[in-house]
């Protein structure tokens, strides 16, 4: 018996609340083997994200994740 286990890389952010998250394009797929050549700022292997914190009027804090593209 031969057992083959394949793990895919997850790339992104997760707020831990089950609602607010961002997965980079191709995350958890075979394309992640090329992660060192991928970019959202035209520099291979580099990604830039912006995280904003917004306070609502009822005391909640919301984190907004921006995937920066150039």
N, C-alpha and C. Protein backbone atom coordinates (compact mmCIF):
# COMPACT_ATOMS: atom_id res chain seq x y z
N UNK A 1 0.84 -1.18 0.00
CA UNK A 1 0.00 0.00 0.00
C UNK A 1 0.88 1.24 0.00
N UNK A 2 0.57 2.18 -0.88
CA UNK A 2 1.30 3.43 -0.98
C UNK A 2 0.35 4.56 -0.60
N UNK A 3 0.78 5.37 0.33
CA UNK A 3 -0.03 6.50 0.79
C UNK A 3 0.64 7.78 0.31
N UNK A 4 -0.10 8.57 -0.44
CA UNK A 4 0.41 9.85 -0.93
C UNK A 4 -0.39 10.96 -0.27
N UNK A 5 0.32 11.87 0.37
CA UNK A 5 -0.33 13.00 1.04
C UNK A 5 0.15 14.28 0.36
N UNK A 6 -0.80 15.09 -0.04
CA UNK A 6 -0.48 16.35 -0.70
C UNK A 6 -0.97 17.50 0.17
N UNK A 7 -0.09 18.44 0.45
CA UNK A 7 -0.45 19.62 1.22
C UNK A 7 -0.39 20.84 0.30
N UNK A 8 -1.41 21.67 0.35
CA UNK A 8 -1.40 22.90 -0.41
C UNK A 8 -1.21 24.07 0.54
N UNK A 9 -0.49 25.06 0.09
CA UNK A 9 -0.15 26.22 0.91
C UNK A 9 -1.32 27.20 0.93
N UNK A 10 -1.63 27.70 2.11
CA UNK A 10 -2.65 28.73 2.27
C UNK A 10 -1.94 30.06 2.44
N UNK A 11 -2.29 31.03 1.61
CA UNK A 11 -1.69 32.35 1.68
C UNK A 11 -2.81 33.38 1.84
N UNK A 12 -2.70 34.21 2.87
CA UNK A 12 -3.70 35.24 3.09
C UNK A 12 -3.77 35.65 4.54
N UNK A 13 -4.91 36.19 4.92
CA UNK A 13 -5.14 36.65 6.28
C UNK A 13 -6.43 36.05 6.79
N UNK A 14 -6.52 35.87 8.11
CA UNK A 14 -7.74 35.37 8.73
C UNK A 14 -7.90 36.07 10.07
N UNK A 15 -9.04 36.73 10.26
CA UNK A 15 -9.30 37.46 11.51
C UNK A 15 -9.64 36.52 12.65
N UNK A 16 -9.90 35.24 12.34
CA UNK A 16 -10.20 34.27 13.37
C UNK A 16 -11.65 34.24 13.81
N UNK A 17 -12.49 35.02 13.14
CA UNK A 17 -13.90 35.05 13.51
C UNK A 17 -14.78 34.24 12.57
N UNK A 18 -14.17 33.59 11.58
CA UNK A 18 -14.94 32.79 10.63
C UNK A 18 -15.65 33.60 9.57
N UNK A 19 -15.50 34.91 9.60
CA UNK A 19 -16.19 35.78 8.66
C UNK A 19 -15.22 36.61 7.83
N UNK A 20 -14.28 37.26 8.51
CA UNK A 20 -13.36 38.18 7.84
C UNK A 20 -12.05 37.47 7.52
N UNK A 21 -11.82 37.29 6.23
CA UNK A 21 -10.59 36.62 5.78
C UNK A 21 -10.29 37.04 4.35
N UNK A 22 -9.09 36.79 3.93
CA UNK A 22 -8.69 37.02 2.55
C UNK A 22 -7.73 35.91 2.15
N UNK A 23 -8.01 35.28 1.04
CA UNK A 23 -7.10 34.28 0.47
C UNK A 23 -6.52 34.83 -0.81
N UNK A 24 -5.21 34.76 -0.94
CA UNK A 24 -4.55 35.24 -2.15
C UNK A 24 -4.98 34.38 -3.33
N UNK A 25 -5.01 34.95 -4.53
CA UNK A 25 -5.36 34.17 -5.71
C UNK A 25 -4.48 32.93 -5.85
N UNK A 26 -5.11 31.77 -6.01
CA UNK A 26 -4.36 30.53 -6.16
C UNK A 26 -4.04 29.83 -4.85
N UNK A 27 -4.41 30.44 -3.72
CA UNK A 27 -4.13 29.81 -2.42
C UNK A 27 -4.82 28.45 -2.34
N UNK A 28 -4.15 27.49 -1.72
CA UNK A 28 -4.63 26.12 -1.54
C UNK A 28 -4.80 25.38 -2.86
N UNK A 29 -4.00 25.78 -3.84
CA UNK A 29 -3.99 25.07 -5.12
C UNK A 29 -2.55 24.72 -5.47
N UNK A 30 -2.41 23.96 -6.52
CA UNK A 30 -1.09 23.55 -6.99
C UNK A 30 -0.24 24.73 -7.45
N UNK A 31 -0.87 25.86 -7.77
CA UNK A 31 -0.12 27.02 -8.26
C UNK A 31 0.78 27.62 -7.18
N UNK A 32 0.58 27.28 -5.91
CA UNK A 32 1.40 27.82 -4.83
C UNK A 32 2.84 27.34 -4.91
N UNK A 33 3.10 26.29 -5.70
CA UNK A 33 4.49 25.86 -5.87
C UNK A 33 5.31 26.93 -6.59
N UNK A 34 4.63 27.89 -7.21
CA UNK A 34 5.29 29.01 -7.90
C UNK A 34 5.24 30.29 -7.08
N UNK A 35 5.00 30.18 -5.79
CA UNK A 35 4.83 31.35 -4.92
C UNK A 35 6.02 32.31 -4.99
N UNK A 36 7.23 31.77 -5.11
CA UNK A 36 8.41 32.65 -5.14
C UNK A 36 8.50 33.47 -6.41
N UNK A 37 7.71 33.14 -7.41
CA UNK A 37 7.72 33.93 -8.65
C UNK A 37 6.47 34.81 -8.77
N UNK A 38 5.54 34.68 -7.82
CA UNK A 38 4.30 35.45 -7.86
C UNK A 38 4.46 36.75 -7.08
N UNK A 39 3.62 37.73 -7.38
CA UNK A 39 3.68 39.02 -6.69
C UNK A 39 2.43 39.83 -7.00
N UNK A 40 2.11 40.77 -6.14
CA UNK A 40 1.08 41.75 -6.47
C UNK A 40 1.67 43.15 -6.62
N UNK A 41 3.02 43.24 -6.59
CA UNK A 41 3.70 44.53 -6.76
C UNK A 41 4.82 44.44 -7.79
N UNK A 42 4.79 43.41 -8.60
CA UNK A 42 5.78 43.20 -9.68
C UNK A 42 7.20 42.98 -9.18
N UNK A 43 7.34 42.46 -7.96
CA UNK A 43 8.63 42.03 -7.44
C UNK A 43 8.45 40.57 -7.04
N UNK A 44 9.07 39.64 -7.77
CA UNK A 44 8.83 38.22 -7.52
C UNK A 44 9.00 37.82 -6.06
N UNK A 45 8.00 37.10 -5.54
CA UNK A 45 8.03 36.63 -4.17
C UNK A 45 7.57 37.62 -3.13
N UNK A 46 7.21 38.83 -3.56
CA UNK A 46 6.79 39.87 -2.61
C UNK A 46 5.32 40.21 -2.81
N UNK A 47 4.62 40.34 -1.68
CA UNK A 47 3.22 40.74 -1.68
C UNK A 47 3.05 41.87 -0.68
N UNK A 48 2.18 42.82 -0.99
CA UNK A 48 1.91 43.93 -0.09
C UNK A 48 0.41 43.95 0.19
N UNK A 49 0.08 44.06 1.47
CA UNK A 49 -1.31 44.16 1.90
C UNK A 49 -1.43 45.38 2.79
N UNK A 50 -2.61 45.97 2.81
CA UNK A 50 -2.88 47.08 3.71
C UNK A 50 -4.02 46.66 4.63
N UNK A 51 -3.83 46.86 5.91
CA UNK A 51 -4.83 46.49 6.90
C UNK A 51 -5.30 47.75 7.60
N UNK A 52 -6.59 48.04 7.46
CA UNK A 52 -7.18 49.22 8.11
C UNK A 52 -8.05 48.78 9.27
N UNK A 53 -8.04 49.56 10.33
CA UNK A 53 -8.89 49.30 11.49
C UNK A 53 -9.96 50.37 11.53
N UNK A 54 -11.22 49.94 11.57
CA UNK A 54 -12.34 50.88 11.60
C UNK A 54 -13.15 50.59 12.85
N UNK A 55 -13.38 51.62 13.65
CA UNK A 55 -14.22 51.46 14.83
C UNK A 55 -15.65 51.87 14.49
N UNK A 56 -16.59 51.00 14.82
CA UNK A 56 -17.99 51.31 14.56
C UNK A 56 -18.56 52.08 15.75
N UNK A 57 -19.72 52.65 15.58
CA UNK A 57 -20.34 53.44 16.65
C UNK A 57 -20.76 52.62 17.86
N UNK A 58 -20.88 51.28 17.71
CA UNK A 58 -21.33 50.46 18.84
C UNK A 58 -20.17 49.76 19.56
N UNK A 59 -18.96 50.24 19.35
CA UNK A 59 -17.81 49.70 20.08
C UNK A 59 -17.09 48.55 19.39
N UNK A 60 -17.62 48.08 18.26
CA UNK A 60 -16.95 47.00 17.53
C UNK A 60 -15.81 47.55 16.69
N UNK A 61 -14.82 46.72 16.46
CA UNK A 61 -13.70 47.09 15.59
C UNK A 61 -13.73 46.16 14.38
N UNK A 62 -13.65 46.74 13.20
CA UNK A 62 -13.65 45.98 11.96
C UNK A 62 -12.28 46.15 11.31
N UNK A 63 -11.69 45.07 10.85
CA UNK A 63 -10.43 45.11 10.14
C UNK A 63 -10.69 44.90 8.66
N UNK A 64 -10.24 45.80 7.83
CA UNK A 64 -10.45 45.72 6.40
C UNK A 64 -9.08 45.46 5.75
N UNK A 65 -9.02 44.38 4.97
CA UNK A 65 -7.78 43.98 4.32
C UNK A 65 -7.85 44.36 2.85
N UNK A 66 -6.85 45.06 2.38
CA UNK A 66 -6.77 45.47 0.98
C UNK A 66 -5.63 44.72 0.32
N UNK A 67 -5.91 44.06 -0.78
CA UNK A 67 -4.89 43.39 -1.58
C UNK A 67 -4.38 44.43 -2.56
N UNK A 68 -3.16 44.88 -2.39
CA UNK A 68 -2.60 45.96 -3.19
C UNK A 68 -2.13 45.42 -4.52
N UNK A 69 -2.54 46.05 -5.59
CA UNK A 69 -2.07 45.65 -6.94
C UNK A 69 -1.46 46.86 -7.63
N UNK A 70 -0.34 46.62 -8.31
CA UNK A 70 0.31 47.68 -9.08
C UNK A 70 0.40 47.24 -10.52
